[in-house]
PDB file of N, CA and C in Angstrom:
ATOM      1  N   MET A   1     -45.314-137.007  75.301  1.00  0.00           N
ATOM      2  CA  MET A   1     -46.028-135.885  74.518  1.00  0.00           C
ATOM      3  C   MET A   1     -45.082-135.593  73.293  1.00  0.00           C
ATOM      4  N   PHE A   2     -44.494-135.200  73.231  1.00  0.00           N
ATOM      5  CA  PHE A   2     -43.244-135.270  72.080  1.00  0.00           C
ATOM      6  C   PHE A   2     -42.841-136.887  72.335  1.00  0.00           C
ATOM      7  N   ARG A   3     -41.986-136.631  70.662  1.00  0.00           N
ATOM      8  CA  ARG A   3     -41.308-138.246  69.731  1.00  0.00           C
ATOM      9  C   ARG A   3     -40.772-137.180  68.788  1.00  0.00           C
ATOM     10  N   ARG A   4     -39.771-137.738  68.801  1.00  0.00           N
ATOM     11  CA  ARG A   4     -39.092-137.589  67.136  1.00  0.00           C
ATOM     12  C   ARG A   4     -39.206-138.115  66.233  1.00  0.00           C
ATOM     13  N   SER A   5     -39.401-137.944  64.585  1.00  0.00           N
ATOM     14  CA  SER A   5     -39.759-138.416  63.444  1.00  0.00           C
ATOM     15  C   SER A   5     -38.916-139.103  63.641  1.00  0.00           C
ATOM     16  N   GLU A   6     -39.346-140.548  63.049  1.00  0.00           N
ATOM     17  CA  GLU A   6     -38.119-141.859  62.776  1.00  0.00           C
ATOM     18  C   GLU A   6     -37.725-141.249  61.149  1.00  0.00           C
ATOM     19  N   GLN A   7     -38.338-140.151  60.694  1.00  0.00           N
ATOM     20  CA  GLN A   7     -37.580-139.852  58.990  1.00  0.00           C
ATOM     21  C   GLN A   7     -36.268-138.592  59.615  1.00  0.00           C
ATOM     22  N   ASP A   8     -35.828-138.830  60.587  1.00  0.00           N
ATOM     23  CA  ASP A   8     -34.813-137.542  60.977  1.00  0.00           C
ATOM     24  C   ASP A   8     -33.398-138.115  61.483  1.00  0.00           C
ATOM     25  N   LYS A   9     -33.139-138.192  60.657  1.00  0.00           N
ATOM     26  CA  LYS A   9     -31.639-138.646  60.356  1.00  0.00           C
ATOM     27  C   LYS A   9     -30.111-138.000  61.046  1.00  0.00           C
ATOM     28  N   ARG A  10     -30.400-136.391  61.286  1.00  0.00           N
ATOM     29  CA  ARG A  10     -29.478-135.916  61.579  1.00  0.00           C
ATOM     30  C   ARG A  10     -28.556-136.498  62.626  1.00  0.00           C
ATOM     31  N   PRO A  11     -27.774-136.150  62.429  1.00  0.00           N
ATOM     32  CA  PRO A  11     -26.112-136.898  63.470  1.00  0.00           C
ATOM     33  C   PRO A  11     -26.637-136.557  65.021  1.00  0.00           C
ATOM     34  N   GLN A  12     -26.249-137.504  65.907  1.00  0.00           N
ATOM     35  CA  GLN A  12     -26.409-137.119  67.596  1.00  0.00           C
ATOM     36  C   GLN A  12     -25.559-135.999  67.962  1.00  0.00           C
ATOM     37  N   VAL A  13     -26.133-135.918  68.967  1.00  0.00           N
ATOM     38  CA  VAL A  13     -24.848-134.829  70.018  1.00  0.00           C
ATOM     39  C   VAL A  13     -25.521-135.067  71.334  1.00  0.00           C
ATOM     40  N   GLN A  14     -24.440-135.190  72.359  1.00  0.00           N
ATOM     41  CA  GLN A  14     -24.890-135.479  73.482  1.00  0.00           C
ATOM     42  C   GLN A  14     -24.422-134.491  74.734  1.00  0.00           C
ATOM     43  N   ILE A  15     -25.862-133.648  75.336  1.00  0.00           N
ATOM     44  CA  ILE A  15     -25.529-132.967  75.926  1.00  0.00           C
ATOM     45  C   ILE A  15     -25.859-133.434  77.206  1.00  0.00           C
ATOM     46  N   PHE A  16     -25.654-132.263  78.222  1.00  0.00           N
ATOM     47  CA  PHE A  16     -25.684-132.945  79.416  1.00  0.00           C
ATOM     48  C   PHE A  16     -26.753-132.093  80.527  1.00  0.00           C
ATOM     49  N   VAL A  17     -28.024-133.016  80.819  1.00  0.00           N
ATOM     50  CA  VAL A  17     -28.867-131.854  81.715  1.00  0.00           C
ATOM     51  C   VAL A  17     -29.239-132.344  83.225  1.00  0.00           C
ATOM     52  N   ASP A  18     -28.597-131.411  83.844  1.00  0.00           N
ATOM     53  CA  ASP A  18     -28.672-131.580  85.357  1.00  0.00           C
ATOM     54  C   ASP A  18     -27.520-132.672  85.655  1.00  0.00           C
ATOM     55  N   GLY A  19     -27.009-132.930  85.170  1.00  0.00           N
ATOM     56  CA  GLY A  19     -25.426-134.037  85.287  1.00  0.00           C
ATOM     57  C   GLY A  19     -26.022-135.240  84.047  1.00  0.00           C
ATOM     58  N   VAL A  20     -27.081-134.850  83.448  1.00  0.00           N
ATOM     59  CA  VAL A  20     -27.582-136.453  83.271  1.00  0.00           C
ATOM     60  C   VAL A  20     -26.999-136.745  81.614  1.00  0.00           C
ATOM     61  N   ALA A  21     -26.466-137.715  81.084  1.00  0.00           N
ATOM     62  CA  ALA A  21     -26.411-137.538  79.626  1.00  0.00           C
ATOM     63  C   ALA A  21     -27.369-137.069  78.894  1.00  0.00           C
ATOM     64  N   VAL A  22     -27.631-136.739  77.753  1.00  0.00           N
ATOM     65  CA  VAL A  22     -29.193-136.920  77.492  1.00  0.00           C
ATOM     66  C   VAL A  22     -28.957-136.622  75.609  1.00  0.00           C
ATOM     67  N   ALA A  23     -29.275-137.241  74.424  1.00  0.00           N
ATOM     68  CA  ALA A  23     -29.098-137.327  73.542  1.00  0.00           C
ATOM     69  C   ALA A  23     -30.110-136.559  72.601  1.00  0.00           C
ATOM     70  N   ALA A  24     -29.167-135.751  71.642  1.00  0.00           N
ATOM     71  CA  ALA A  24     -29.794-134.496  71.504  1.00  0.00           C
ATOM     72  C   ALA A  24     -29.486-134.714  69.700  1.00  0.00           C
ATOM     73  N   ARG A  25     -30.350-133.962  68.650  1.00  0.00           N
ATOM     74  CA  ARG A  25     -29.929-134.127  66.747  1.00  0.00           C
ATOM     75  C   ARG A  25     -28.790-132.700  66.715  1.00  0.00           C
ATOM     76  N   GLN A  26     -28.091-132.804  65.796  1.00  0.00           N
ATOM     77  CA  GLN A  26     -27.674-131.527  65.545  1.00  0.00           C
ATOM     78  C   GLN A  26     -28.681-130.817  64.989  1.00  0.00           C
ATOM     79  N   GLY A  27     -28.415-129.247  65.579  1.00  0.00           N
ATOM     80  CA  GLY A  27     -29.740-128.351  64.866  1.00  0.00           C
ATOM     81  C   GLY A  27     -30.477-128.019  65.862  1.00  0.00           C
ATOM     82  N   ASP A  28     -30.398-129.195  66.795  1.00  0.00           N
ATOM     83  CA  ASP A  28     -31.875-128.899  67.314  1.00  0.00           C
ATOM     84  C   ASP A  28     -32.093-127.751  68.607  1.00  0.00           C
ATOM     85  N   THR A  29     -32.729-126.798  69.309  1.00  0.00           N
ATOM     86  CA  THR A  29     -32.237-125.789  70.046  1.00  0.00           C
ATOM     87  C   THR A  29     -32.487-126.614  71.627  1.00  0.00           C
ATOM     88  N   VAL A  30     -31.904-125.771  72.817  1.00  0.00           N
ATOM     89  CA  VAL A  30     -31.789-126.598  73.762  1.00  0.00           C
ATOM     90  C   VAL A  30     -33.186-127.318  74.106  1.00  0.00           C
ATOM     91  N   SER A  31     -34.245-125.815  74.235  1.00  0.00           N
ATOM     92  CA  SER A  31     -35.268-126.373  74.425  1.00  0.00           C
ATOM     93  C   SER A  31     -36.127-127.863  73.757  1.00  0.00           C
ATOM     94  N   ALA A  32     -36.212-128.094  72.542  1.00  0.00           N
ATOM     95  CA  ALA A  32     -36.564-128.688  71.192  1.00  0.00           C
ATOM     96  C   ALA A  32     -35.798-130.247  71.786  1.00  0.00           C
ATOM     97  N   ALA A  33     -35.110-129.992  72.253  1.00  0.00           N
ATOM     98  CA  ALA A  33     -34.108-131.024  72.468  1.00  0.00           C
ATOM     99  C   ALA A  33     -34.527-131.683  73.812  1.00  0.00           C
ATOM    100  N   LEU A  34     -34.922-130.787  74.473  1.00  0.00           N
ATOM    101  CA  LEU A  34     -35.387-131.108  76.227  1.00  0.00           C
ATOM    102  C   LEU A  34     -37.015-131.426  75.769  1.00  0.00           C
ATOM    103  N   LEU A  35     -37.364-130.835  75.090  1.00  0.00           N
ATOM    104  CA  LEU A  35     -38.981-131.329  75.105  1.00  0.00           C
ATOM    105  C   LEU A  35     -38.773-132.841  74.457  1.00  0.00           C
ATOM    106  N   ALA A  36     -37.906-133.097  73.725  1.00  0.00           N
ATOM    107  CA  ALA A  36     -37.650-134.572  72.506  1.00  0.00           C
ATOM    108  C   ALA A  36     -36.863-135.817  74.183  1.00  0.00           C
ATOM    109  N   SER A  37     -36.514-135.273  74.878  1.00  0.00           N
ATOM    110  CA  SER A  37     -35.977-136.242  75.798  1.00  0.00           C
ATOM    111  C   SER A  37     -36.575-136.694  76.805  1.00  0.00           C
ATOM    112  N   GLY A  38     -37.794-136.342  76.435  1.00  0.00           N
ATOM    113  CA  GLY A  38     -39.020-137.334  77.186  1.00  0.00           C
ATOM    114  C   GLY A  38     -39.008-136.626  79.140  1.00  0.00           C
ATOM    115  N   ARG A  39     -37.647-135.679  79.276  1.00  0.00           N
ATOM    116  CA  ARG A  39     -37.489-135.243  81.244  1.00  0.00           C
ATOM    117  C   ARG A  39     -38.245-133.944  81.167  1.00  0.00           C
ATOM    118  N   ASP A  40     -38.492-134.214  82.367  1.00  0.00           N
ATOM    119  CA  ASP A  40     -39.192-132.965  83.170  1.00  0.00           C
ATOM    120  C   ASP A  40     -38.048-132.077  82.628  1.00  0.00           C
ATOM    121  N   ALA A  41     -38.641-131.122  81.649  1.00  0.00           N
ATOM    122  CA  ALA A  41     -38.384-129.755  81.511  1.00  0.00           C
ATOM    123  C   ALA A  41     -38.977-128.425  82.152  1.00  0.00           C
ATOM    124  N   ARG A  42     -39.297-128.722  83.365  1.00  0.00           N
ATOM    125  CA  ARG A  42     -40.149-127.335  83.683  1.00  0.00           C
ATOM    126  C   ARG A  42     -39.728-126.609  84.469  1.00  0.00           C
ATOM    127  N   ARG A  43     -38.810-125.134  84.268  1.00  0.00           N
ATOM    128  CA  ARG A  43     -38.662-124.096  85.093  1.00  0.00           C
ATOM    129  C   ARG A  43     -39.733-123.358  86.297  1.00  0.00           C
ATOM    130  N   SER A  44     -39.339-123.272  87.108  1.00  0.00           N
ATOM    131  CA  SER A  44     -39.753-122.297  88.224  1.00  0.00           C
ATOM    132  C   SER A  44     -39.654-120.808  88.225  1.00  0.00           C
ATOM    133  N   THR A  45     -41.011-120.444  87.778  1.00  0.00           N
ATOM    134  CA  THR A  45     -40.403-118.736  87.959  1.00  0.00           C
ATOM    135  C   THR A  45     -40.066-118.496  89.484  1.00  0.00           C
ATOM    136  N   ALA A  46     -39.558-116.964  89.650  1.00  0.00           N
ATOM    137  CA  ALA A  46     -38.404-116.661  89.920  1.00  0.00           C
ATOM    138  C   ALA A  46     -39.811-116.300  91.346  1.00  0.00           C
ATOM    139  N   VAL A  47     -41.093-115.635  91.157  1.00  0.00           N
ATOM    140  CA  VAL A  47     -41.757-114.556  92.019  1.00  0.00           C
ATOM    141  C   VAL A  47     -42.954-115.769  92.787  1.00  0.00           C
ATOM    142  N   SER A  48     -43.570-116.650  91.909  1.00  0.00           N
ATOM    143  CA  SER A  48     -44.459-117.762  92.016  1.00  0.00           C
ATOM    144  C   SER A  48     -43.826-118.956  92.963  1.00  0.00           C
ATOM    145  N   GLY A  49     -42.743-119.188  91.372  1.00  0.00           N
ATOM    146  CA  GLY A  49     -42.269-120.803  91.999  1.00  0.00           C
ATOM    147  C   GLY A  49     -43.307-121.639  91.144  1.00  0.00           C
ATOM    148  N   ALA A  50     -44.463-120.494  90.069  1.00  0.00           N
ATOM    149  CA  ALA A  50     -45.151-122.088  88.767  1.00  0.00           C
ATOM    150  C   ALA A  50     -44.202-121.993  88.192  1.00  0.00           C
ATOM    151  N   PRO A  51     -44.739-123.528  87.161  1.00  0.00           N
ATOM    152  CA  PRO A  51     -43.582-123.991  86.773  1.00  0.00           C
ATOM    153  C   PRO A  51     -44.118-124.096  85.252  1.00  0.00           C
ATOM    154  N   ARG A  52     -43.149-123.847  83.932  1.00  0.00           N
ATOM    155  CA  ARG A  52     -43.201-123.241  83.256  1.00  0.00           C
ATOM    156  C   ARG A  52     -42.674-124.281  82.143  1.00  0.00           C
ATOM    157  N   LEU A  53     -43.062-124.096  80.942  1.00  0.00           N
ATOM    158  CA  LEU A  53     -42.392-125.056  79.978  1.00  0.00           C
ATOM    159  C   LEU A  53     -41.529-123.904  78.889  1.00  0.00           C
ATOM    160  N   PRO A  54     -41.218-124.505  77.933  1.00  0.00           N
ATOM    161  CA  PRO A  54     -41.045-124.039  77.033  1.00  0.00           C
ATOM    162  C   PRO A  54     -42.349-123.577  76.029  1.00  0.00           C
ATOM    163  N   TYR A  55     -42.412-122.596  75.477  1.00  0.00           N
ATOM    164  CA  TYR A  55     -43.540-122.207  74.821  1.00  0.00           C
ATOM    165  C   TYR A  55     -44.345-122.093  73.726  1.00  0.00           C
ATOM    166  N   CYS A  56     -43.444-120.704  73.615  1.00  0.00           N
ATOM    167  CA  CYS A  56     -43.668-119.973  72.112  1.00  0.00           C
ATOM    168  C   CYS A  56     -42.247-120.089  71.259  1.00  0.00           C
ATOM    169  N   MET A  57     -41.399-121.171  71.886  1.00  0.00           N
ATOM    170  CA  MET A  57     -40.335-121.665  70.673  1.00  0.00           C
ATOM    171  C   MET A  57     -39.414-120.566  69.837  1.00  0.00           C
ATOM    172  N   MET A  58     -39.850-119.668  70.174  1.00  0.00           N
ATOM    173  CA  MET A  58     -38.546-118.024  69.587  1.00  0.00           C
ATOM    174  C   MET A  58     -38.401-116.934  69.955  1.00  0.00           C
ATOM    175  N   GLY A  59     -38.397-117.293  70.971  1.00  0.00           N
ATOM    176  CA  GLY A  59     -38.103-116.014  71.901  1.00  0.00           C
ATOM    177  C   GLY A  59     -38.620-114.986  72.325  1.00  0.00           C
ATOM    178  N   VAL A  60     -39.485-115.532  72.623  1.00  0.00           N
ATOM    179  CA  VAL A  60     -40.900-113.887  72.666  1.00  0.00           C
ATOM    180  C   VAL A  60     -41.537-114.103  74.418  1.00  0.00           C
ATOM    181  N   CYS A  61     -41.588-115.530  74.866  1.00  0.00           N
ATOM    182  CA  CYS A  61     -42.276-115.416  76.295  1.00  0.00           C
ATOM    183  C   CYS A  61     -41.574-115.940  77.359  1.00  0.00           C
ATOM    184  N   PHE A  62     -40.134-116.210  77.381  1.00  0.00           N
ATOM    185  CA  PHE A  62     -38.964-116.408  78.782  1.00  0.00           C
ATOM    186  C   PHE A  62     -39.376-117.582  79.186  1.00  0.00           C
ATOM    187  N   ASP A  63     -40.354-118.862  78.955  1.00  0.00           N
ATOM    188  CA  ASP A  63     -40.618-119.702  79.607  1.00  0.00           C
ATOM    189  C   ASP A  63     -39.677-120.884  80.050  1.00  0.00           C
ATOM    190  N   CYS A  64     -38.596-120.563  78.388  1.00  0.00           N
ATOM    191  CA  CYS A  64     -37.623-121.273  78.361  1.00  0.00           C
ATOM    192  C   CYS A  64     -36.180-121.446  78.950  1.00  0.00           C
ATOM    193  N   LEU A  65     -36.116-120.938  80.221  1.00  0.00           N
ATOM    194  CA  LEU A  65     -34.901-119.984  80.624  1.00  0.00           C
ATOM    195  C   LEU A  65     -34.571-120.779  81.485  1.00  0.00           C
ATOM    196  N   VAL A  66     -32.991-121.462  80.938  1.00  0.00           N
ATOM    197  CA  VAL A  66     -32.169-122.414  82.184  1.00  0.00           C
ATOM    198  C   VAL A  66     -30.343-121.652  81.693  1.00  0.00           C
ATOM    199  N   THR A  67     -29.796-122.277  82.338  1.00  0.00           N
ATOM    200  CA  THR A  67     -28.744-121.684  82.433  1.00  0.00           C
ATOM    201  C   THR A  67     -27.608-123.506  81.539  1.00  0.00           C
ATOM    202  N   ILE A  68     -26.739-122.391  80.343  1.00  0.00           N
ATOM    203  CA  ILE A  68     -26.360-122.922  80.239  1.00  0.00           C
ATOM    204  C   ILE A  68     -24.977-122.789  80.135  1.00  0.00           C
ATOM    205  N   ASP A  69     -23.733-124.162  80.468  1.00  0.00           N
ATOM    206  CA  ASP A  69     -22.295-123.940  80.344  1.00  0.00           C
ATOM    207  C   ASP A  69     -22.183-122.623  81.878  1.00  0.00           C
ATOM    208  N   GLY A  70     -23.437-122.777  82.226  1.00  0.00           N
ATOM    209  CA  GLY A  70     -23.022-121.893  83.949  1.00  0.00           C
ATOM    210  C   GLY A  70     -23.411-120.495  83.507  1.00  0.00           C
ATOM    211  N   VAL A  71     -24.372-119.783  82.087  1.00  0.00           N
ATOM    212  CA  VAL A  71     -24.751-118.718  82.568  1.00  0.00           C
ATOM    213  C   VAL A  71     -26.396-118.659  82.673  1.00  0.00           C
ATOM    214  N   GLY A  72     -26.825-118.710  83.454  1.00  0.00           N
ATOM    215  CA  GLY A  72     -28.008-118.112  83.224  1.00  0.00           C
ATOM    216  C   GLY A  72     -28.802-117.455  82.524  1.00  0.00           C
ATOM    217  N   ASN A  73     -30.325-117.807  82.443  1.00  0.00           N
ATOM    218  CA  ASN A  73     -31.532-116.610  82.256  1.00  0.00           C
ATOM    219  C   ASN A  73     -31.520-116.904  80.582  1.00  0.00           C
ATOM    220  N   ARG A  74     -30.329-118.399  80.087  1.00  0.00           N
ATOM    221  CA  ARG A  74     -30.088-118.611  78.523  1.00  0.00           C
ATOM    222  C   ARG A  74     -31.990-118.546  77.583  1.00  0.00           C
ATOM    223  N   GLN A  75     -32.843-118.389  77.026  1.00  0.00           N
ATOM    224  CA  GLN A  75     -33.546-118.573  76.539  1.00  0.00           C
ATOM    225  C   GLN A  75     -33.284-120.019  75.165  1.00  0.00           C
ATOM    226  N   GLY A  76     -33.468-120.878  76.452  1.00  0.00           N
ATOM    227  CA  GLY A  76     -33.027-122.727  75.629  1.00  0.00           C
ATOM    228  C   GLY A  76     -33.431-122.339  74.049  1.00  0.00           C
ATOM    229  N   CYS A  77     -34.308-121.847  73.581  1.00  0.00           N
ATOM    230  CA  CYS A  77     -35.490-121.615  72.610  1.00  0.00           C
ATOM    231  C   CYS A  77     -34.484-120.955  71.746  1.00  0.00           C
ATOM    232  N   LEU A  78     -33.466-120.612  71.466  1.00  0.00           N
ATOM    233  CA  LEU A  78     -32.817-119.456  70.828  1.00  0.00           C
ATOM    234  C   LEU A  78     -31.595-120.314  70.600  1.00  0.00           C
ATOM    235  N   VAL A  79     -31.370-121.218  71.584  1.00  0.00           N
ATOM    236  CA  VAL A  79     -29.630-121.711  71.338  1.00  0.00           C
ATOM    237  C   VAL A  79     -29.535-123.396  70.866  1.00  0.00           C
ATOM    238  N   PRO A  80     -28.363-123.374  70.121  1.00  0.00           N
ATOM    239  CA  PRO A  80     -28.539-124.164  69.477  1.00  0.00           C
ATOM    240  C   PRO A  80     -27.528-125.281  70.290  1.00  0.00           C
ATOM    241  N   VAL A  81     -27.804-126.772  69.998  1.00  0.00           N
ATOM    242  CA  VAL A  81     -27.518-127.591  71.296  1.00  0.00           C
ATOM    243  C   VAL A  81     -25.769-127.521  70.306  1.00  0.00           C
ATOM    244  N   ALA A  82     -24.878-127.658  71.445  1.00  0.00           N
ATOM    245  CA  ALA A  82     -23.556-128.362  70.874  1.00  0.00           C
ATOM    246  C   ALA A  82     -22.943-129.360  71.703  1.00  0.00           C
ATOM    247  N   ASP A  83     -22.255-130.282  71.484  1.00  0.00           N
ATOM    248  CA  ASP A  83     -21.816-131.628  72.177  1.00  0.00           C
ATOM    249  C   ASP A  83     -20.944-131.142  73.017  1.00  0.00           C
ATOM    250  N   GLY A  84     -21.323-131.900  74.091  1.00  0.00           N
ATOM    251  CA  GLY A  84     -21.183-131.981  75.695  1.00  0.00           C
ATOM    252  C   GLY A  84     -21.491-130.524  76.424  1.00  0.00           C
ATOM    253  N   MET A  85     -22.463-129.853  76.287  1.00  0.00           N
ATOM    254  CA  MET A  85     -23.077-128.688  76.309  1.00  0.00           C
ATOM    255  C   MET A  85     -23.519-128.776  78.023  1.00  0.00           C
ATOM    256  N   GLN A  86     -23.755-128.530  78.958  1.00  0.00           N
ATOM    257  CA  GLN A  86     -23.964-128.255  80.004  1.00  0.00           C
ATOM    258  C   GLN A  86     -25.244-127.744  80.450  1.00  0.00           C
ATOM    259  N   ILE A  87     -26.177-128.227  80.799  1.00  0.00           N
ATOM    260  CA  ILE A  87     -28.027-127.481  81.046  1.00  0.00           C
ATOM    261  C   ILE A  87     -28.476-127.810  82.114  1.00  0.00           C
ATOM    262  N   GLU A  88     -28.677-126.426  82.766  1.00  0.00           N
ATOM    263  CA  GLU A  88     -29.514-126.736  84.128  1.00  0.00           C
ATOM    264  C   GLU A  88     -30.635-126.615  83.989  1.00  0.00           C
ATOM    265  N   ILE A  89     -32.198-127.216  84.365  1.00  0.00           N
ATOM    266  CA  ILE A  89     -33.428-126.264  84.749  1.00  0.00           C
ATOM    267  C   ILE A  89     -32.908-125.650  85.557  1.00  0.00           C
ATOM    268  N   GLN A  90     -33.721-124.186  85.149  1.00  0.00           N
ATOM    269  CA  GLN A  90     -33.828-123.395  85.889  1.00  0.00           C
ATOM    270  C   GLN A  90     -34.897-122.752  87.333  1.00  0.00           C
ATOM    271  N   LYS A  91     -34.552-122.747  88.247  1.00  0.00           N
ATOM    272  CA  LYS A  91     -35.445-122.805  89.357  1.00  0.00           C
ATOM    273  C   LYS A  91     -35.301-121.689  89.887  1.00  0.00           C
ATOM    274  N   GLY A  92     -36.457-121.160  89.719  1.00  0.00           N
ATOM    275  CA  GLY A  92     -36.756-119.376  90.420  1.00  0.00           C
ATOM    276  C   GLY A  92     -35.589-118.585  89.899  1.00  0.00           C
ATOM    277  N   LYS A  93     -34.828-117.440  90.646  1.00  0.00           N
ATOM    278  CA  LYS A  93     -34.642-116.608  89.799  1.00  0.00           C
ATOM    279  C   LYS A  93     -33.088-117.545  89.841  1.00  0.00           C
ATOM    280  N   ARG A  94     -32.436-116.173  88.879  1.00  0.00           N
ATOM    281  CA  ARG A  94     -31.288-116.750  88.374  1.00  0.00           C
ATOM    282  C   ARG A  94     -30.444-116.611  89.402  1.00  0.00           C
ATOM    283  N   GLU A  95     -29.169-117.386  89.818  1.00  0.00           N
ATOM    284  CA  GLU A  95     -27.949-116.983  90.774  1.00  0.00           C
ATOM    285  C   GLU A  95     -27.201-115.782  90.682  1.00  0.00           C
ATOM    286  N   ILE A  96     -26.415-114.976  91.619  1.00  0.00           N
ATOM    287  CA  ILE A  96     -25.782-113.831  91.371  1.00  0.00           C
ATOM    288  C   ILE A  96     -24.583-114.884  90.933  1.00  0.00           C
ATOM    289  N   GLY A  97     -23.930-113.891  89.961  1.00  0.00           N
ATOM    290  CA  GLY A  97     -22.735-114.063  89.207  1.00  0.00           C
ATOM    291  C   GLY A  97     -23.154-115.791  88.177  1.00  0.00           C
ATOM    292  N   ARG A  98     -24.072-116.040  88.136  1.00  0.00           N
ATOM    293  CA  ARG A  98     -24.567-117.053  86.643  1.00  0.00           C
ATOM    294  C   ARG A  98     -25.409-116.608  85.803  1.00  0.00           C
TER     295      ARG A  98
END
């Protein structure tokens, strides 16, 4: 559904999504990198388990919650990627201590 423009010449960085290396571009947000990767980026809600994808991409809807470098409930649409960043797709509610 999403793909990068062939004119995007920004340098690549490597992030890890659920332990798998994924190429992202410098300046991407975590959500943009996940959508562009083609990976299943759906998280599940805490109450019903309904699947959610990043939606508004501006920090309003909270459908992009992920765990970043061990810290849960981070809005992926607001966090720029960094080389070596560890991202986990959040399933259900945030775990205590994360």
